[in-house]
Amino acid sequence: MKDYPLVTGETDQDLLNIYSQICDKKNKKNIALQNELLIQAAQKYQQLGKNLKALQLVESLGQQNVQRTTLTDVAFLAGVGIAESSLQHMRSNEVRYLSMQTTYPTAKKLSDHIRISLPEPDTSNAPAITDASIKQKKFSKTPSNKNSSLNRSAYKATQLNHQKNINVQLKTVKAPARNTIAAAKPKNGNTTASGSSPFASFNKN
């Protein structure tokens, strides 16, 4: 264990077992296995709240050109853990806020980066898209489409009948023909001719 001073004073059995495998002579020449075990040790440090030790181990592996997404996650979680612990100490023990000139801009920047790095929606429980599901979807849509067509046809027919009724009501009813009576002309009788003398009849005698 003397080659790994970080483990000094640790009592967690899982962590000690990891270092036991690292120190095993059979694994000394297996560099890949050594690196994987050290990554597990870094994870364990972070889980135990030993964030500074986790960061030190991540940095040591990085200097050996060991790059893993797991190490990035460990560094992030350890850094957030340290920041959260410091913030709680600031608020509870020192009873003060973040500084507008120093700590707050950095905290806000981190918050903005976290906001744009939200995890993708979980689609593990979403139903798989298969040929059968596509056919079922098309089948379920067909009756709806038919009903929509029928409804549109019925609506058009109703509108047409309504328009016909309006046209019938609006037709002008022709007025009945008037019964006109021609003025009766007077019958020709013994009338005195215009311009004749009233004594003409005596003259004839």
N, C-alpha and C. Protein backbone atom coordinates (compact mmCIF):
# COMPACT_ATOMS: atom_id res chain seq x y z
N MET A 1 0.82 -1.21 0.00
CA MET A 1 0.00 0.00 0.00
C MET A 1 0.87 1.28 0.00
N LYS A 2 2.15 1.14 0.30
CA LYS A 2 3.00 2.32 0.42
C LYS A 2 3.14 3.05 -0.91
N ASP A 3 2.88 2.36 -2.00
CA ASP A 3 2.96 3.02 -3.31
C ASP A 3 1.73 3.87 -3.58
N TYR A 4 0.73 3.78 -2.74
CA TYR A 4 -0.53 4.51 -2.94
C TYR A 4 -0.91 5.22 -1.64
N PRO A 5 -0.31 6.36 -1.41
CA PRO A 5 -0.53 7.07 -0.14
C PRO A 5 -1.97 7.55 0.05
N LEU A 6 -2.75 7.67 -1.01
CA LEU A 6 -4.13 8.15 -0.88
C LEU A 6 -4.97 7.23 0.01
N VAL A 7 -4.67 5.93 0.00
CA VAL A 7 -5.48 4.98 0.74
C VAL A 7 -5.13 4.93 2.22
N THR A 8 -4.11 5.63 2.60
CA THR A 8 -3.70 5.63 4.01
C THR A 8 -4.82 6.17 4.89
N GLY A 9 -5.17 5.43 5.90
CA GLY A 9 -6.19 5.83 6.85
C GLY A 9 -7.61 5.46 6.44
N GLU A 10 -7.78 4.88 5.29
CA GLU A 10 -9.12 4.48 4.83
C GLU A 10 -9.50 3.14 5.46
N THR A 11 -10.80 3.01 5.77
CA THR A 11 -11.29 1.79 6.43
C THR A 11 -12.39 1.08 5.62
N ASP A 12 -12.84 1.69 4.55
CA ASP A 12 -13.92 1.06 3.76
C ASP A 12 -13.38 -0.21 3.11
N GLN A 13 -14.08 -1.34 3.35
CA GLN A 13 -13.59 -2.63 2.88
C GLN A 13 -13.59 -2.73 1.35
N ASP A 14 -14.61 -2.18 0.71
CA ASP A 14 -14.64 -2.24 -0.76
C ASP A 14 -13.44 -1.50 -1.35
N LEU A 15 -13.13 -0.35 -0.78
CA LEU A 15 -11.97 0.42 -1.27
C LEU A 15 -10.67 -0.32 -1.00
N LEU A 16 -10.55 -0.91 0.17
CA LEU A 16 -9.34 -1.65 0.51
C LEU A 16 -9.18 -2.88 -0.39
N ASN A 17 -10.29 -3.53 -0.75
CA ASN A 17 -10.21 -4.69 -1.65
C ASN A 17 -9.72 -4.28 -3.04
N ILE A 18 -10.15 -3.11 -3.48
CA ILE A 18 -9.69 -2.61 -4.79
C ILE A 18 -8.18 -2.42 -4.76
N TYR A 19 -7.68 -1.81 -3.71
CA TYR A 19 -6.23 -1.58 -3.62
C TYR A 19 -5.47 -2.89 -3.42
N SER A 20 -6.10 -3.86 -2.80
CA SER A 20 -5.45 -5.17 -2.65
C SER A 20 -5.21 -5.80 -4.01
N GLN A 21 -6.18 -5.66 -4.91
CA GLN A 21 -6.02 -6.20 -6.26
C GLN A 21 -4.96 -5.40 -7.03
N ILE A 22 -4.92 -4.10 -6.78
CA ILE A 22 -3.92 -3.28 -7.46
C ILE A 22 -2.50 -3.69 -7.04
N CYS A 23 -2.36 -4.00 -5.77
CA CYS A 23 -1.03 -4.34 -5.23
C CYS A 23 -0.66 -5.81 -5.45
N ASP A 24 -1.60 -6.60 -5.92
CA ASP A 24 -1.33 -8.02 -6.15
C ASP A 24 -0.24 -8.15 -7.22
N LYS A 25 0.76 -9.00 -6.93
CA LYS A 25 1.88 -9.16 -7.85
C LYS A 25 1.43 -9.70 -9.21
N LYS A 26 0.35 -10.50 -9.21
CA LYS A 26 -0.13 -11.08 -10.47
C LYS A 26 -0.64 -10.00 -11.43
N ASN A 27 -1.05 -8.88 -10.87
CA ASN A 27 -1.63 -7.82 -11.70
C ASN A 27 -0.66 -6.67 -11.98
N LYS A 28 0.55 -6.78 -11.48
CA LYS A 28 1.50 -5.69 -11.61
C LYS A 28 1.81 -5.35 -13.07
N LYS A 29 1.91 -6.36 -13.90
CA LYS A 29 2.28 -6.11 -15.29
C LYS A 29 1.08 -5.86 -16.20
N ASN A 30 -0.09 -6.06 -15.66
CA ASN A 30 -1.32 -5.84 -16.46
C ASN A 30 -1.74 -4.38 -16.29
N ILE A 31 -1.21 -3.53 -17.15
CA ILE A 31 -1.44 -2.08 -17.02
C ILE A 31 -2.91 -1.73 -17.21
N ALA A 32 -3.57 -2.40 -18.17
CA ALA A 32 -4.98 -2.11 -18.43
C ALA A 32 -5.83 -2.40 -17.20
N LEU A 33 -5.57 -3.55 -16.57
CA LEU A 33 -6.31 -3.91 -15.36
C LEU A 33 -6.00 -2.93 -14.23
N GLN A 34 -4.72 -2.55 -14.10
CA GLN A 34 -4.33 -1.58 -13.07
C GLN A 34 -5.12 -0.28 -13.23
N ASN A 35 -5.23 0.19 -14.47
CA ASN A 35 -5.95 1.45 -14.72
C ASN A 35 -7.43 1.32 -14.39
N GLU A 36 -8.02 0.19 -14.76
CA GLU A 36 -9.45 -0.01 -14.47
C GLU A 36 -9.69 -0.06 -12.97
N LEU A 37 -8.80 -0.69 -12.23
CA LEU A 37 -8.94 -0.75 -10.77
C LEU A 37 -8.78 0.64 -10.14
N LEU A 38 -7.87 1.45 -10.67
CA LEU A 38 -7.68 2.80 -10.15
C LEU A 38 -8.90 3.68 -10.45
N ILE A 39 -9.53 3.45 -11.60
CA ILE A 39 -10.77 4.17 -11.92
C ILE A 39 -11.86 3.81 -10.92
N GLN A 40 -11.95 2.50 -10.59
CA GLN A 40 -12.92 2.07 -9.58
C GLN A 40 -12.62 2.71 -8.22
N ALA A 41 -11.35 2.86 -7.91
CA ALA A 41 -10.96 3.49 -6.64
C ALA A 41 -11.38 4.96 -6.63
N ALA A 42 -11.23 5.65 -7.77
CA ALA A 42 -11.64 7.06 -7.86
C ALA A 42 -13.15 7.18 -7.65
N GLN A 43 -13.90 6.28 -8.27
CA GLN A 43 -15.35 6.29 -8.09
C GLN A 43 -15.72 6.07 -6.62
N LYS A 44 -15.01 5.15 -5.99
CA LYS A 44 -15.31 4.84 -4.58
C LYS A 44 -15.00 6.02 -3.68
N TYR A 45 -13.91 6.69 -3.94
CA TYR A 45 -13.58 7.89 -3.15
C TYR A 45 -14.72 8.92 -3.25
N GLN A 46 -15.20 9.12 -4.45
CA GLN A 46 -16.27 10.12 -4.65
C GLN A 46 -17.55 9.69 -3.93
N GLN A 47 -17.88 8.40 -4.02
CA GLN A 47 -19.09 7.90 -3.36
C GLN A 47 -19.00 8.02 -1.84
N LEU A 48 -17.79 7.93 -1.31
CA LEU A 48 -17.58 8.04 0.14
C LEU A 48 -17.50 9.49 0.60
N GLY A 49 -17.58 10.42 -0.35
CA GLY A 49 -17.47 11.83 0.01
C GLY A 49 -16.05 12.32 0.14
N LYS A 50 -15.09 11.48 -0.26
CA LYS A 50 -13.68 11.89 -0.24
C LYS A 50 -13.35 12.53 -1.59
N ASN A 51 -13.96 13.69 -1.80
CA ASN A 51 -13.90 14.32 -3.13
C ASN A 51 -12.49 14.79 -3.51
N LEU A 52 -11.73 15.29 -2.56
CA LEU A 52 -10.37 15.74 -2.87
C LEU A 52 -9.50 14.57 -3.31
N LYS A 53 -9.63 13.43 -2.64
CA LYS A 53 -8.86 12.25 -3.03
C LYS A 53 -9.30 11.75 -4.41
N ALA A 54 -10.60 11.83 -4.67
CA ALA A 54 -11.10 11.42 -5.98
C ALA A 54 -10.49 12.29 -7.08
N LEU A 55 -10.45 13.60 -6.85
CA LEU A 55 -9.87 14.51 -7.85
C LEU A 55 -8.37 14.27 -8.02
N GLN A 56 -7.68 13.99 -6.94
CA GLN A 56 -6.24 13.73 -7.03
C GLN A 56 -5.96 12.48 -7.86
N LEU A 57 -6.80 11.46 -7.67
CA LEU A 57 -6.60 10.22 -8.42
C LEU A 57 -6.95 10.41 -9.89
N VAL A 58 -8.01 11.17 -10.16
CA VAL A 58 -8.38 11.46 -11.55
C VAL A 58 -7.25 12.23 -12.24
N GLU A 59 -6.67 13.19 -11.55
CA GLU A 59 -5.57 13.97 -12.13
C GLU A 59 -4.35 13.09 -12.39
N SER A 60 -4.06 12.19 -11.46
CA SER A 60 -2.92 11.28 -11.62
C SER A 60 -3.10 10.39 -12.85
N LEU A 61 -4.31 9.86 -13.02
CA LEU A 61 -4.59 9.02 -14.19
C LEU A 61 -4.52 9.84 -15.48
N GLY A 62 -4.99 11.08 -15.43
CA GLY A 62 -4.91 11.94 -16.61
C GLY A 62 -3.48 12.20 -17.02
N GLN A 63 -2.58 12.33 -16.07
CA GLN A 63 -1.17 12.54 -16.38
C GLN A 63 -0.56 11.31 -17.05
N GLN A 64 -1.17 10.16 -16.81
CA GLN A 64 -0.71 8.92 -17.46
C GLN A 64 -1.46 8.69 -18.78
N ASN A 65 -2.21 9.70 -19.22
CA ASN A 65 -2.97 9.65 -20.47
C ASN A 65 -4.09 8.61 -20.43
N VAL A 66 -4.66 8.42 -19.26
CA VAL A 66 -5.81 7.53 -19.11
C VAL A 66 -7.06 8.40 -19.20
N GLN A 67 -7.83 8.22 -20.27
CA GLN A 67 -9.03 9.04 -20.52
C GLN A 67 -10.26 8.13 -20.55
N ARG A 68 -11.21 8.43 -19.69
CA ARG A 68 -12.46 7.69 -19.65
C ARG A 68 -13.60 8.67 -19.33
N THR A 69 -14.77 8.39 -19.88
CA THR A 69 -15.93 9.22 -19.52
C THR A 69 -16.26 9.07 -18.03
N THR A 70 -15.95 7.89 -17.49
CA THR A 70 -16.19 7.66 -16.07
C THR A 70 -15.37 8.62 -15.21
N LEU A 71 -14.14 8.86 -15.62
CA LEU A 71 -13.29 9.79 -14.87
C LEU A 71 -13.83 11.22 -14.96
N THR A 72 -14.37 11.58 -16.12
CA THR A 72 -14.97 12.91 -16.27
C THR A 72 -16.15 13.06 -15.32
N ASP A 73 -16.97 12.02 -15.24
CA ASP A 73 -18.12 12.06 -14.33
C ASP A 73 -17.66 12.16 -12.87
N VAL A 74 -16.63 11.41 -12.53
CA VAL A 74 -16.10 11.46 -11.16
C VAL A 74 -15.60 12.86 -10.83
N ALA A 75 -14.86 13.47 -11.76
CA ALA A 75 -14.34 14.82 -11.53
C ALA A 75 -15.48 15.83 -11.37
N PHE A 76 -16.52 15.70 -12.21
CA PHE A 76 -17.66 16.62 -12.12
C PHE A 76 -18.37 16.47 -10.78
N LEU A 77 -18.69 15.23 -10.42
CA LEU A 77 -19.41 14.99 -9.16
C LEU A 77 -18.59 15.43 -7.95
N ALA A 78 -17.30 15.17 -7.99
CA ALA A 78 -16.44 15.57 -6.87
C ALA A 78 -16.36 17.09 -6.77
N GLY A 79 -16.24 17.76 -7.92
CA GLY A 79 -16.19 19.22 -7.92
C GLY A 79 -17.48 19.84 -7.40
N VAL A 80 -18.62 19.29 -7.85
CA VAL A 80 -19.92 19.79 -7.36
C VAL A 80 -20.05 19.54 -5.87
N GLY A 81 -19.58 18.38 -5.42
CA GLY A 81 -19.64 18.06 -3.99
C GLY A 81 -18.84 19.06 -3.16
N ILE A 82 -17.66 19.41 -3.63
CA ILE A 82 -16.84 20.38 -2.91
C ILE A 82 -17.50 21.75 -2.90
N ALA A 83 -18.05 22.16 -4.07
CA ALA A 83 -18.72 23.46 -4.17
C ALA A 83 -19.94 23.52 -3.25
N GLU A 84 -20.72 22.45 -3.23
CA GLU A 84 -21.91 22.43 -2.38
C GLU A 84 -21.54 22.49 -0.90
N SER A 85 -20.49 21.77 -0.52
CA SER A 85 -20.05 21.79 0.87
C SER A 85 -19.58 23.19 1.27
N SER A 86 -18.87 23.86 0.37
CA SER A 86 -18.39 25.21 0.66
C SER A 86 -19.55 26.20 0.75
N LEU A 87 -20.55 26.02 -0.11
CA LEU A 87 -21.71 26.92 -0.08
C LEU A 87 -22.50 26.76 1.22
N GLN A 88 -22.67 25.51 1.65
CA GLN A 88 -23.37 25.28 2.91
C GLN A 88 -22.61 25.90 4.09
N HIS A 89 -21.30 25.80 4.05
CA HIS A 89 -20.49 26.40 5.11
C HIS A 89 -20.62 27.93 5.08
N MET A 90 -20.66 28.48 3.89
CA MET A 90 -20.80 29.93 3.73
C MET A 90 -22.12 30.42 4.29
N ARG A 91 -23.19 29.70 4.02
CA ARG A 91 -24.52 30.15 4.43
C ARG A 91 -24.80 29.83 5.91
N SER A 92 -24.36 28.66 6.35
CA SER A 92 -24.69 28.25 7.72
C SER A 92 -23.73 28.79 8.77
N ASN A 93 -22.43 28.69 8.49
CA ASN A 93 -21.44 29.10 9.49
C ASN A 93 -21.03 30.57 9.36
N GLU A 94 -20.78 30.98 8.14
CA GLU A 94 -20.34 32.37 7.93
C GLU A 94 -21.51 33.33 7.73
N VAL A 95 -22.69 32.77 7.48
CA VAL A 95 -23.93 33.55 7.32
C VAL A 95 -23.72 34.69 6.33
N ARG A 96 -23.38 34.36 5.11
CA ARG A 96 -23.21 35.37 4.06
C ARG A 96 -23.63 34.80 2.71
N TYR A 97 -23.75 35.70 1.75
CA TYR A 97 -24.17 35.32 0.41
C TYR A 97 -22.95 35.21 -0.51
N LEU A 98 -23.22 34.75 -1.72
CA LEU A 98 -22.17 34.76 -2.73
C LEU A 98 -21.80 36.20 -3.07
N SER A 99 -20.57 36.38 -3.46
CA SER A 99 -20.10 37.72 -3.82
C SER A 99 -20.44 38.03 -5.27
N MET A 100 -21.03 39.21 -5.51
CA MET A 100 -21.40 39.60 -6.86
C MET A 100 -20.18 39.78 -7.75
N GLN A 101 -19.03 40.06 -7.16
CA GLN A 101 -17.82 40.31 -7.94
C GLN A 101 -17.03 39.04 -8.22
N THR A 102 -17.11 38.05 -7.35
CA THR A 102 -16.24 36.87 -7.50
C THR A 102 -17.00 35.55 -7.63
N THR A 103 -17.66 35.12 -6.57
CA THR A 103 -18.22 33.76 -6.56
C THR A 103 -19.52 33.62 -7.34
N TYR A 104 -20.38 34.65 -7.30
CA TYR A 104 -21.68 34.51 -7.97
C TYR A 104 -21.55 34.36 -9.49
N PRO A 105 -20.74 35.17 -10.20
CA PRO A 105 -20.62 34.98 -11.66
C PRO A 105 -20.18 33.58 -12.04
N THR A 106 -19.26 33.01 -11.26
CA THR A 106 -18.80 31.65 -11.55
C THR A 106 -19.91 30.63 -11.32
N ALA A 107 -20.65 30.81 -10.22
CA ALA A 107 -21.76 29.90 -9.92
C ALA A 107 -22.84 30.00 -10.98
N LYS A 108 -23.13 31.22 -11.44
CA LYS A 108 -24.16 31.41 -12.47
C LYS A 108 -23.72 30.79 -13.79
N LYS A 109 -22.45 30.93 -14.12
CA LYS A 109 -21.93 30.32 -15.35
C LYS A 109 -22.08 28.81 -15.32
N LEU A 110 -21.75 28.22 -14.17
CA LEU A 110 -21.92 26.77 -14.02
C LEU A 110 -23.39 26.39 -14.14
N SER A 111 -24.27 27.17 -13.52
CA SER A 111 -25.71 26.89 -13.60
C SER A 111 -26.21 26.95 -15.04
N ASP A 112 -25.72 27.92 -15.81
CA ASP A 112 -26.12 28.05 -17.21
C ASP A 112 -25.65 26.85 -18.02
N HIS A 113 -24.43 26.40 -17.77
CA HIS A 113 -23.90 25.23 -18.49
C HIS A 113 -24.70 23.97 -18.13
N ILE A 114 -25.09 23.85 -16.88
CA ILE A 114 -25.89 22.69 -16.47
C ILE A 114 -27.25 22.72 -17.15
N ARG A 115 -27.83 23.92 -17.27
CA ARG A 115 -29.16 24.06 -17.88
C ARG A 115 -29.15 23.60 -19.34
N ILE A 116 -28.10 23.93 -20.07
CA ILE A 116 -28.05 23.55 -21.49
C ILE A 116 -27.54 22.12 -21.68
N SER A 117 -27.20 21.46 -20.59
CA SER A 117 -26.69 20.08 -20.67
C SER A 117 -27.65 19.09 -20.02
N LEU A 118 -28.92 19.45 -20.00
CA LEU A 118 -29.92 18.56 -19.40
C LEU A 118 -29.95 17.23 -20.13
N PRO A 119 -30.22 16.14 -19.44
CA PRO A 119 -30.26 14.83 -20.10
C PRO A 119 -31.38 14.73 -21.10
N GLU A 120 -31.19 13.86 -22.09
CA GLU A 120 -32.22 13.62 -23.09
C GLU A 120 -33.42 12.91 -22.46
N PRO A 121 -34.61 13.08 -23.07
CA PRO A 121 -35.80 12.39 -22.53
C PRO A 121 -35.61 10.88 -22.52
N ASP A 122 -36.11 10.25 -21.48
CA ASP A 122 -36.01 8.80 -21.35
C ASP A 122 -37.04 8.13 -22.25
N THR A 123 -36.54 7.41 -23.26
CA THR A 123 -37.44 6.72 -24.20
C THR A 123 -37.35 5.20 -24.03
N SER A 124 -36.78 4.75 -22.90
CA SER A 124 -36.61 3.31 -22.71
C SER A 124 -37.94 2.58 -22.60
N ASN A 125 -38.97 3.27 -22.09
CA ASN A 125 -40.28 2.64 -21.94
C ASN A 125 -41.21 2.91 -23.12
N ALA A 126 -40.72 3.64 -24.11
CA ALA A 126 -41.55 3.95 -25.28
C ALA A 126 -41.73 2.69 -26.13
N PRO A 127 -42.92 2.45 -26.69
CA PRO A 127 -43.13 1.27 -27.52
C PRO A 127 -42.29 1.32 -28.78
N ALA A 128 -41.75 0.17 -29.13
CA ALA A 128 -40.92 0.10 -30.33
C ALA A 128 -41.77 0.25 -31.59
N ILE A 129 -41.19 0.90 -32.60
CA ILE A 129 -41.88 1.09 -33.87
C ILE A 129 -41.61 -0.12 -34.76
N THR A 130 -42.63 -0.89 -35.06
CA THR A 130 -42.51 -2.07 -35.89
C THR A 130 -43.49 -1.98 -37.05
N ASP A 131 -43.35 -2.91 -38.01
CA ASP A 131 -44.28 -2.95 -39.13
C ASP A 131 -45.71 -3.16 -38.64
N ALA A 132 -45.84 -4.01 -37.63
CA ALA A 132 -47.19 -4.29 -37.10
C ALA A 132 -47.80 -3.05 -36.47
N SER A 133 -46.97 -2.28 -35.73
CA SER A 133 -47.51 -1.07 -35.09
C SER A 133 -47.89 -0.02 -36.11
N ILE A 134 -47.10 0.06 -37.22
CA ILE A 134 -47.43 1.02 -38.28
C ILE A 134 -48.74 0.65 -38.95
N LYS A 135 -48.91 -0.67 -39.23
CA LYS A 135 -50.16 -1.12 -39.85
C LYS A 135 -51.34 -0.87 -38.93
N GLN A 136 -51.14 -1.13 -37.63
CA GLN A 136 -52.21 -0.90 -36.66
C GLN A 136 -52.58 0.57 -36.60
N LYS A 137 -51.57 1.44 -36.70
CA LYS A 137 -51.82 2.88 -36.67
C LYS A 137 -52.63 3.31 -37.89
N LYS A 138 -52.25 2.75 -39.07
CA LYS A 138 -52.99 3.08 -40.28
C LYS A 138 -54.42 2.57 -40.19
N PHE A 139 -54.57 1.33 -39.64
CA PHE A 139 -55.90 0.75 -39.53
C PHE A 139 -56.78 1.57 -38.60
N SER A 140 -56.19 2.05 -37.50
CA SER A 140 -56.97 2.84 -36.54
C SER A 140 -57.37 4.18 -37.12
N LYS A 141 -56.58 4.69 -38.07
CA LYS A 141 -56.90 5.98 -38.67
C LYS A 141 -57.98 5.86 -39.73
N THR A 142 -58.10 4.66 -40.39
CA THR A 142 -59.02 4.51 -41.51
C THR A 142 -60.47 4.78 -41.14
N PRO A 143 -61.04 4.16 -40.09
CA PRO A 143 -62.43 4.45 -39.73
C PRO A 143 -62.65 5.92 -39.43
N SER A 144 -61.68 6.53 -38.81
CA SER A 144 -61.82 7.95 -38.49
C SER A 144 -61.91 8.77 -39.75
N ASN A 145 -61.08 8.40 -40.75
CA ASN A 145 -61.11 9.14 -42.01
C ASN A 145 -62.44 8.94 -42.72
N LYS A 146 -62.95 7.68 -42.67
CA LYS A 146 -64.23 7.41 -43.31
C LYS A 146 -65.34 8.20 -42.63
N ASN A 147 -65.32 8.20 -41.32
CA ASN A 147 -66.34 8.96 -40.59
C ASN A 147 -66.27 10.44 -40.91
N SER A 148 -65.04 10.94 -41.06
CA SER A 148 -64.88 12.36 -41.39
C SER A 148 -65.46 12.65 -42.76
N SER A 149 -65.21 11.72 -43.73
CA SER A 149 -65.75 11.91 -45.07
C SER A 149 -67.27 11.88 -45.06
N LEU A 150 -67.83 10.92 -44.29
CA LEU A 150 -69.29 10.83 -44.21
C LEU A 150 -69.87 12.08 -43.57
N ASN A 151 -69.22 12.55 -42.55
CA ASN A 151 -69.71 13.76 -41.88
C ASN A 151 -69.67 14.96 -42.81
N ARG A 152 -68.60 15.05 -43.61
CA ARG A 152 -68.50 16.17 -44.56
C ARG A 152 -69.58 16.07 -45.62
N SER A 153 -69.84 14.84 -46.11
CA SER A 153 -70.87 14.65 -47.13
C SER A 153 -72.24 15.00 -46.58
N ALA A 154 -72.53 14.55 -45.35
CA ALA A 154 -73.82 14.85 -44.73
C ALA A 154 -73.98 16.34 -44.52
N TYR A 155 -72.90 17.01 -44.15
CA TYR A 155 -72.96 18.45 -43.93
C TYR A 155 -73.25 19.17 -45.24
N LYS A 156 -72.56 18.75 -46.32
CA LYS A 156 -72.80 19.39 -47.61
C LYS A 156 -74.23 19.19 -48.07
N ALA A 157 -74.77 17.95 -47.87
CA ALA A 157 -76.15 17.67 -48.28
C ALA A 157 -77.13 18.54 -47.49
N THR A 158 -76.89 18.69 -46.22
CA THR A 158 -77.76 19.53 -45.38
C THR A 158 -77.74 20.97 -45.84
N GLN A 159 -76.54 21.46 -46.15
CA GLN A 159 -76.40 22.84 -46.60
C GLN A 159 -77.12 23.05 -47.94
N LEU A 160 -77.01 22.03 -48.83
CA LEU A 160 -77.65 22.14 -50.14
C LEU A 160 -79.16 22.18 -50.00
N ASN A 161 -79.72 21.30 -49.17
CA ASN A 161 -81.17 21.28 -48.95
C ASN A 161 -81.65 22.58 -48.32
N HIS A 162 -80.85 23.09 -47.41
CA HIS A 162 -81.22 24.35 -46.76
C HIS A 162 -81.25 25.49 -47.78
N GLN A 163 -80.28 25.49 -48.69
CA GLN A 163 -80.23 26.53 -49.72
C GLN A 163 -81.42 26.42 -50.66
N LYS A 164 -81.80 25.17 -50.99
CA LYS A 164 -82.96 24.98 -51.86
C LYS A 164 -84.22 25.52 -51.21
N ASN A 165 -84.38 25.25 -49.92
CA ASN A 165 -85.57 25.74 -49.22
C ASN A 165 -85.62 27.26 -49.22
N ILE A 166 -84.46 27.87 -49.06
CA ILE A 166 -84.41 29.34 -49.08
C ILE A 166 -84.81 29.86 -50.45
N ASN A 167 -84.30 29.19 -51.52
CA ASN A 167 -84.61 29.63 -52.88
C ASN A 167 -86.11 29.52 -53.16
N VAL A 168 -86.71 28.43 -52.65
CA VAL A 168 -88.16 28.25 -52.88
C VAL A 168 -88.94 29.35 -52.18
N GLN A 169 -88.54 29.69 -50.96
CA GLN A 169 -89.26 30.71 -50.21
C GLN A 169 -89.10 32.08 -50.83
N LEU A 170 -87.96 32.29 -51.50
CA LEU A 170 -87.69 33.62 -52.06
C LEU A 170 -88.32 33.83 -53.43
N LYS A 171 -88.90 32.79 -54.02
CA LYS A 171 -89.52 32.95 -55.34
C LYS A 171 -90.71 33.90 -55.25
N THR A 172 -90.82 34.79 -56.18
CA THR A 172 -91.92 35.77 -56.19
C THR A 172 -93.19 35.13 -56.70
N VAL A 173 -94.25 35.26 -55.93
CA VAL A 173 -95.56 34.72 -56.34
C VAL A 173 -96.21 35.73 -57.28
N LYS A 174 -96.58 35.28 -58.48
CA LYS A 174 -97.18 36.18 -59.47
C LYS A 174 -98.58 36.60 -59.02
N ALA A 175 -98.82 37.86 -59.18
CA ALA A 175 -100.14 38.39 -58.80
C ALA A 175 -101.19 37.92 -59.79
N PRO A 176 -102.47 37.61 -59.36
CA PRO A 176 -103.53 37.16 -60.30
C PRO A 176 -103.91 38.29 -61.25
N ALA A 177 -104.32 37.88 -62.46
CA ALA A 177 -104.70 38.87 -63.49
C ALA A 177 -105.96 39.60 -63.06
N ARG A 178 -105.99 40.88 -63.30
CA ARG A 178 -107.15 41.69 -62.95
C ARG A 178 -108.30 41.46 -63.94
N ASN A 179 -109.51 41.37 -63.42
CA ASN A 179 -110.70 41.26 -64.28
C ASN A 179 -111.20 42.67 -64.56
N THR A 180 -110.87 43.15 -65.68
CA THR A 180 -111.26 44.52 -66.06
C THR A 180 -112.52 44.46 -66.90
N ILE A 181 -113.43 45.38 -66.64
CA ILE A 181 -114.70 45.48 -67.39
C ILE A 181 -114.62 46.69 -68.28
N ALA A 182 -114.74 46.40 -69.55
CA ALA A 182 -114.69 47.51 -70.52
C ALA A 182 -115.93 48.37 -70.37
N ALA A 183 -115.70 49.63 -70.46
CA ALA A 183 -116.84 50.56 -70.36
C ALA A 183 -117.77 50.37 -71.54
N ALA A 184 -119.06 50.21 -71.23
CA ALA A 184 -120.06 49.96 -72.29
C ALA A 184 -120.26 51.23 -73.11
N LYS A 185 -120.14 50.99 -74.37
CA LYS A 185 -120.36 52.13 -75.27
C LYS A 185 -121.85 52.35 -75.44
N PRO A 186 -122.29 53.56 -75.49
CA PRO A 186 -123.73 53.83 -75.70
C PRO A 186 -124.18 53.36 -77.05
N LYS A 187 -125.42 52.79 -77.08
CA LYS A 187 -125.97 52.29 -78.34
C LYS A 187 -126.35 53.46 -79.24
N ASN A 188 -126.20 53.14 -80.51
CA ASN A 188 -126.57 54.18 -81.48
C ASN A 188 -128.08 54.37 -81.48
N GLY A 189 -128.57 55.58 -81.22
CA GLY A 189 -130.02 55.86 -81.22
C GLY A 189 -130.32 57.07 -82.10
N ASN A 190 -131.43 57.59 -81.88
CA ASN A 190 -131.76 58.81 -82.61
C ASN A 190 -131.16 59.98 -81.90
N THR A 191 -130.01 60.30 -82.31
CA THR A 191 -129.29 61.40 -81.72
C THR A 191 -129.18 62.50 -82.72
N THR A 192 -129.08 63.66 -82.20
CA THR A 192 -128.98 64.81 -83.08
C THR A 192 -127.57 64.92 -83.55
N ALA A 193 -127.38 64.91 -84.82
CA ALA A 193 -126.06 64.98 -85.40
C ALA A 193 -125.43 66.29 -85.06
N SER A 194 -124.13 66.21 -84.87
CA SER A 194 -123.39 67.41 -84.52
C SER A 194 -123.44 68.38 -85.67
N GLY A 195 -123.80 69.57 -85.35
CA GLY A 195 -123.82 70.62 -86.39
C GLY A 195 -125.13 70.71 -87.15
N SER A 196 -126.12 69.80 -86.90
CA SER A 196 -127.40 69.85 -87.63
C SER A 196 -128.36 70.79 -86.93
N SER A 197 -129.33 71.30 -87.63
CA SER A 197 -130.30 72.27 -87.08
C SER A 197 -131.39 71.54 -86.34
N PRO A 198 -131.87 72.09 -85.23
CA PRO A 198 -132.96 71.44 -84.49
C PRO A 198 -134.27 71.49 -85.23
N PHE A 199 -134.33 72.22 -86.26
CA PHE A 199 -135.57 72.33 -87.03
C PHE A 199 -135.52 71.53 -88.31
N ALA A 200 -134.50 70.66 -88.41
CA ALA A 200 -134.33 69.92 -89.66
C ALA A 200 -135.50 68.99 -89.90
N SER A 201 -136.03 68.41 -88.85
CA SER A 201 -137.14 67.47 -89.03
C SER A 201 -138.38 68.17 -89.53
N PHE A 202 -138.59 69.41 -89.16
CA PHE A 202 -139.74 70.15 -89.66
C PHE A 202 -139.54 70.51 -91.10
N ASN A 203 -138.31 70.71 -91.45
CA ASN A 203 -138.03 71.08 -92.82
C ASN A 203 -138.31 69.94 -93.74
N LYS A 204 -138.10 68.67 -93.25
CA LYS A 204 -138.33 67.51 -94.10
C LYS A 204 -139.81 67.38 -94.42
N ASN A 205 -140.65 67.77 -93.53
CA ASN A 205 -142.07 67.68 -93.76
C ASN A 205 -142.51 68.78 -94.69
